[in-house]
Amino acid sequence: MFETTSESALHLTRLESALLERLRQSPGRCLSRQFLLETIWGYREGVQSRTLDVHIRRLRAKLAPQESTRIKTIFRDGYGWYTE
């Protein structure tokens, strides 16, 4: 469970929490789709899945509006957490 900037509790699944934590650990950096699939889901190299996209969409929906815009999609590469 994470605290949002509005101090209300945010209820995330285990995988959503892991994804958010991984993105926040590397602010300003793009984390590749493959890296996220391998480190969070344990998928092997070369696996193609829409799982990551679905979890990003759900995570954005659960975060406060000012927080959800910090998750940036880097076209054809991955996702990143950007504070500015």
N, C-alpha and C. Protein backbone atom coordinates (compact mmCIF):
# COMPACT_ATOMS: atom_id res chain seq x y z
N MET A 1 0.84 -1.17 0.00
CA MET A 1 0.00 0.00 0.00
C MET A 1 0.89 1.24 0.00
N PHE A 2 0.57 2.18 -0.86
CA PHE A 2 1.32 3.43 -0.96
C PHE A 2 0.44 4.57 -0.49
N GLU A 3 1.07 5.63 -0.07
CA GLU A 3 0.34 6.85 0.27
C GLU A 3 0.43 7.80 -0.91
N THR A 4 -0.68 8.35 -1.30
CA THR A 4 -0.68 9.33 -2.39
C THR A 4 -0.37 10.69 -1.82
N THR A 5 -0.19 11.67 -2.68
CA THR A 5 0.11 13.01 -2.19
C THR A 5 -1.05 13.60 -1.39
N SER A 6 -2.26 13.10 -1.61
CA SER A 6 -3.40 13.59 -0.84
C SER A 6 -3.52 12.86 0.50
N GLU A 7 -2.54 11.97 0.81
CA GLU A 7 -2.46 11.24 2.07
C GLU A 7 -3.55 10.18 2.22
N SER A 8 -4.30 9.89 1.19
CA SER A 8 -5.28 8.81 1.29
C SER A 8 -4.61 7.50 0.88
N ALA A 9 -5.04 6.41 1.51
CA ALA A 9 -4.43 5.11 1.23
C ALA A 9 -4.78 4.66 -0.18
N LEU A 10 -3.80 4.07 -0.83
CA LEU A 10 -3.96 3.58 -2.19
C LEU A 10 -3.85 2.07 -2.15
N HIS A 11 -4.88 1.38 -2.59
CA HIS A 11 -4.90 -0.09 -2.54
C HIS A 11 -4.48 -0.64 -3.89
N LEU A 12 -3.31 -1.26 -3.90
CA LEU A 12 -2.75 -1.81 -5.13
C LEU A 12 -2.56 -3.32 -4.98
N THR A 13 -2.63 -4.01 -6.11
CA THR A 13 -2.30 -5.43 -6.10
C THR A 13 -0.80 -5.57 -5.90
N ARG A 14 -0.37 -6.79 -5.65
CA ARG A 14 1.07 -7.04 -5.45
C ARG A 14 1.87 -6.62 -6.68
N LEU A 15 1.38 -6.94 -7.87
CA LEU A 15 2.10 -6.60 -9.09
C LEU A 15 2.05 -5.10 -9.39
N GLU A 16 0.93 -4.46 -9.10
CA GLU A 16 0.85 -3.01 -9.27
C GLU A 16 1.83 -2.31 -8.33
N SER A 17 1.92 -2.79 -7.10
CA SER A 17 2.86 -2.21 -6.14
C SER A 17 4.29 -2.39 -6.62
N ALA A 18 4.62 -3.58 -7.10
CA ALA A 18 5.98 -3.85 -7.59
C ALA A 18 6.30 -2.97 -8.79
N LEU A 19 5.34 -2.79 -9.68
CA LEU A 19 5.54 -1.96 -10.86
C LEU A 19 5.76 -0.51 -10.47
N LEU A 20 4.92 0.02 -9.60
CA LEU A 20 5.06 1.40 -9.15
C LEU A 20 6.39 1.61 -8.44
N GLU A 21 6.75 0.69 -7.59
CA GLU A 21 8.02 0.79 -6.86
C GLU A 21 9.20 0.80 -7.84
N ARG A 22 9.17 -0.09 -8.82
CA ARG A 22 10.26 -0.18 -9.81
C ARG A 22 10.37 1.12 -10.60
N LEU A 23 9.25 1.69 -11.01
CA LEU A 23 9.28 2.95 -11.76
C LEU A 23 9.82 4.09 -10.88
N ARG A 24 9.37 4.15 -9.64
CA ARG A 24 9.80 5.22 -8.73
C ARG A 24 11.27 5.11 -8.34
N GLN A 25 11.84 3.92 -8.42
CA GLN A 25 13.25 3.73 -8.08
C GLN A 25 14.18 4.34 -9.13
N SER A 26 13.66 4.60 -10.31
CA SER A 26 14.49 5.14 -11.40
C SER A 26 13.82 6.35 -12.02
N PRO A 27 13.65 7.42 -11.25
CA PRO A 27 12.96 8.60 -11.80
C PRO A 27 13.74 9.20 -12.97
N GLY A 28 13.00 9.59 -13.98
CA GLY A 28 13.61 10.24 -15.14
C GLY A 28 14.23 9.29 -16.14
N ARG A 29 14.13 7.98 -15.90
CA ARG A 29 14.71 6.98 -16.81
C ARG A 29 13.61 6.13 -17.42
N CYS A 30 13.79 5.77 -18.67
CA CYS A 30 12.89 4.85 -19.33
C CYS A 30 13.31 3.43 -18.98
N LEU A 31 12.37 2.65 -18.48
CA LEU A 31 12.61 1.24 -18.21
C LEU A 31 11.95 0.46 -19.34
N SER A 32 12.73 -0.36 -19.99
CA SER A 32 12.22 -1.07 -21.16
C SER A 32 11.11 -2.03 -20.79
N ARG A 33 10.24 -2.29 -21.75
CA ARG A 33 9.17 -3.26 -21.57
C ARG A 33 9.75 -4.61 -21.15
N GLN A 34 10.80 -5.02 -21.84
CA GLN A 34 11.41 -6.32 -21.57
C GLN A 34 11.95 -6.38 -20.14
N PHE A 35 12.62 -5.32 -19.70
CA PHE A 35 13.16 -5.27 -18.34
C PHE A 35 12.04 -5.41 -17.32
N LEU A 36 10.95 -4.67 -17.50
CA LEU A 36 9.84 -4.73 -16.56
C LEU A 36 9.17 -6.11 -16.57
N LEU A 37 8.98 -6.69 -17.75
CA LEU A 37 8.38 -8.02 -17.83
C LEU A 37 9.26 -9.08 -17.17
N GLU A 38 10.57 -8.94 -17.31
CA GLU A 38 11.49 -9.90 -16.71
C GLU A 38 11.57 -9.74 -15.19
N THR A 39 11.68 -8.50 -14.71
CA THR A 39 11.91 -8.29 -13.28
C THR A 39 10.64 -8.39 -12.45
N ILE A 40 9.49 -8.04 -12.99
CA ILE A 40 8.27 -8.05 -12.19
C ILE A 40 7.47 -9.34 -12.41
N TRP A 41 7.37 -9.78 -13.65
CA TRP A 41 6.57 -10.96 -13.95
C TRP A 41 7.43 -12.22 -14.10
N GLY A 42 8.73 -12.07 -14.23
CA GLY A 42 9.59 -13.23 -14.38
C GLY A 42 9.55 -13.84 -15.77
N TYR A 43 9.08 -13.07 -16.75
CA TYR A 43 9.03 -13.57 -18.12
C TYR A 43 10.44 -13.66 -18.68
N ARG A 44 10.63 -14.57 -19.58
CA ARG A 44 11.93 -14.72 -20.23
C ARG A 44 12.05 -13.75 -21.39
N GLU A 45 13.29 -13.52 -21.80
CA GLU A 45 13.57 -12.62 -22.91
C GLU A 45 12.81 -13.07 -24.15
N GLY A 46 12.26 -12.11 -24.86
CA GLY A 46 11.57 -12.39 -26.11
C GLY A 46 10.08 -12.61 -25.97
N VAL A 47 9.57 -12.71 -24.74
CA VAL A 47 8.14 -12.90 -24.55
C VAL A 47 7.42 -11.59 -24.83
N GLN A 48 6.38 -11.68 -25.63
CA GLN A 48 5.57 -10.50 -25.92
C GLN A 48 4.24 -10.65 -25.21
N SER A 49 3.85 -9.62 -24.47
CA SER A 49 2.63 -9.69 -23.69
C SER A 49 2.07 -8.28 -23.51
N ARG A 50 0.75 -8.20 -23.42
CA ARG A 50 0.09 -6.91 -23.16
C ARG A 50 -0.15 -6.73 -21.66
N THR A 51 0.31 -7.67 -20.85
CA THR A 51 0.13 -7.61 -19.40
C THR A 51 0.65 -6.29 -18.83
N LEU A 52 1.81 -5.88 -19.25
CA LEU A 52 2.40 -4.64 -18.73
C LEU A 52 1.49 -3.45 -19.04
N ASP A 53 0.99 -3.38 -20.25
CA ASP A 53 0.13 -2.25 -20.64
C ASP A 53 -1.16 -2.22 -19.82
N VAL A 54 -1.73 -3.37 -19.56
CA VAL A 54 -2.95 -3.45 -18.75
C VAL A 54 -2.67 -2.99 -17.33
N HIS A 55 -1.55 -3.42 -16.76
CA HIS A 55 -1.21 -3.02 -15.39
C HIS A 55 -0.90 -1.52 -15.30
N ILE A 56 -0.25 -0.98 -16.32
CA ILE A 56 0.02 0.47 -16.34
C ILE A 56 -1.31 1.24 -16.38
N ARG A 57 -2.24 0.78 -17.21
CA ARG A 57 -3.55 1.45 -17.32
C ARG A 57 -4.28 1.41 -15.98
N ARG A 58 -4.28 0.25 -15.33
CA ARG A 58 -4.95 0.13 -14.02
C ARG A 58 -4.27 0.97 -12.96
N LEU A 59 -2.95 1.01 -12.99
CA LEU A 59 -2.20 1.80 -12.03
C LEU A 59 -2.50 3.29 -12.20
N ARG A 60 -2.51 3.75 -13.43
CA ARG A 60 -2.85 5.15 -13.69
C ARG A 60 -4.25 5.49 -13.19
N ALA A 61 -5.18 4.57 -13.36
CA ALA A 61 -6.56 4.81 -12.92
C ALA A 61 -6.66 4.91 -11.40
N LYS A 62 -5.81 4.20 -10.68
CA LYS A 62 -5.85 4.20 -9.22
C LYS A 62 -5.11 5.38 -8.60
N LEU A 63 -4.12 5.91 -9.29
CA LEU A 63 -3.34 7.03 -8.75
C LEU A 63 -4.12 8.33 -8.86
N ALA A 64 -3.79 9.26 -8.01
CA ALA A 64 -4.36 10.60 -8.10
C ALA A 64 -3.96 11.21 -9.44
N PRO A 65 -4.78 12.12 -9.99
CA PRO A 65 -4.47 12.68 -11.32
C PRO A 65 -3.06 13.26 -11.45
N GLN A 66 -2.58 13.98 -10.45
CA GLN A 66 -1.23 14.56 -10.54
C GLN A 66 -0.15 13.49 -10.49
N GLU A 67 -0.44 12.36 -9.86
CA GLU A 67 0.52 11.26 -9.80
C GLU A 67 0.48 10.41 -11.07
N SER A 68 -0.71 10.17 -11.59
CA SER A 68 -0.84 9.30 -12.76
C SER A 68 -0.15 9.88 -13.99
N THR A 69 -0.05 11.19 -14.08
CA THR A 69 0.61 11.80 -15.22
C THR A 69 2.13 11.68 -15.15
N ARG A 70 2.63 11.22 -14.02
CA ARG A 70 4.09 11.03 -13.89
C ARG A 70 4.56 9.76 -14.59
N ILE A 71 3.66 8.84 -14.83
CA ILE A 71 4.01 7.62 -15.58
C ILE A 71 3.92 7.97 -17.06
N LYS A 72 5.05 7.97 -17.71
CA LYS A 72 5.11 8.33 -19.12
C LYS A 72 5.35 7.09 -19.97
N THR A 73 4.66 7.03 -21.08
CA THR A 73 4.88 5.98 -22.07
C THR A 73 5.94 6.46 -23.04
N ILE A 74 6.98 5.71 -23.21
CA ILE A 74 8.02 6.02 -24.19
C ILE A 74 7.76 5.06 -25.36
N PHE A 75 7.24 5.61 -26.43
CA PHE A 75 6.78 4.84 -27.58
C PHE A 75 7.81 3.83 -28.04
N ARG A 76 7.37 2.60 -28.16
CA ARG A 76 8.16 1.45 -28.62
C ARG A 76 9.36 1.13 -27.73
N ASP A 77 9.41 1.68 -26.52
CA ASP A 77 10.55 1.40 -25.66
C ASP A 77 10.12 0.91 -24.28
N GLY A 78 9.31 1.69 -23.57
CA GLY A 78 8.93 1.28 -22.24
C GLY A 78 8.17 2.36 -21.51
N TYR A 79 8.41 2.43 -20.20
CA TYR A 79 7.71 3.39 -19.34
C TYR A 79 8.71 4.02 -18.38
N GLY A 80 8.36 5.22 -17.92
CA GLY A 80 9.22 5.90 -16.97
C GLY A 80 8.40 6.71 -15.97
N TRP A 81 9.04 7.03 -14.85
CA TRP A 81 8.45 7.88 -13.81
C TRP A 81 9.15 9.22 -13.88
N TYR A 82 8.41 10.25 -14.20
CA TYR A 82 8.98 11.58 -14.38
C TYR A 82 8.30 12.54 -13.42
N THR A 83 9.10 13.21 -12.60
CA THR A 83 8.56 14.11 -11.59
C THR A 83 8.33 15.52 -12.10
N GLU A 84 8.88 15.83 -13.24
CA GLU A 84 8.68 17.18 -13.79
C GLU A 84 8.20 17.10 -15.19
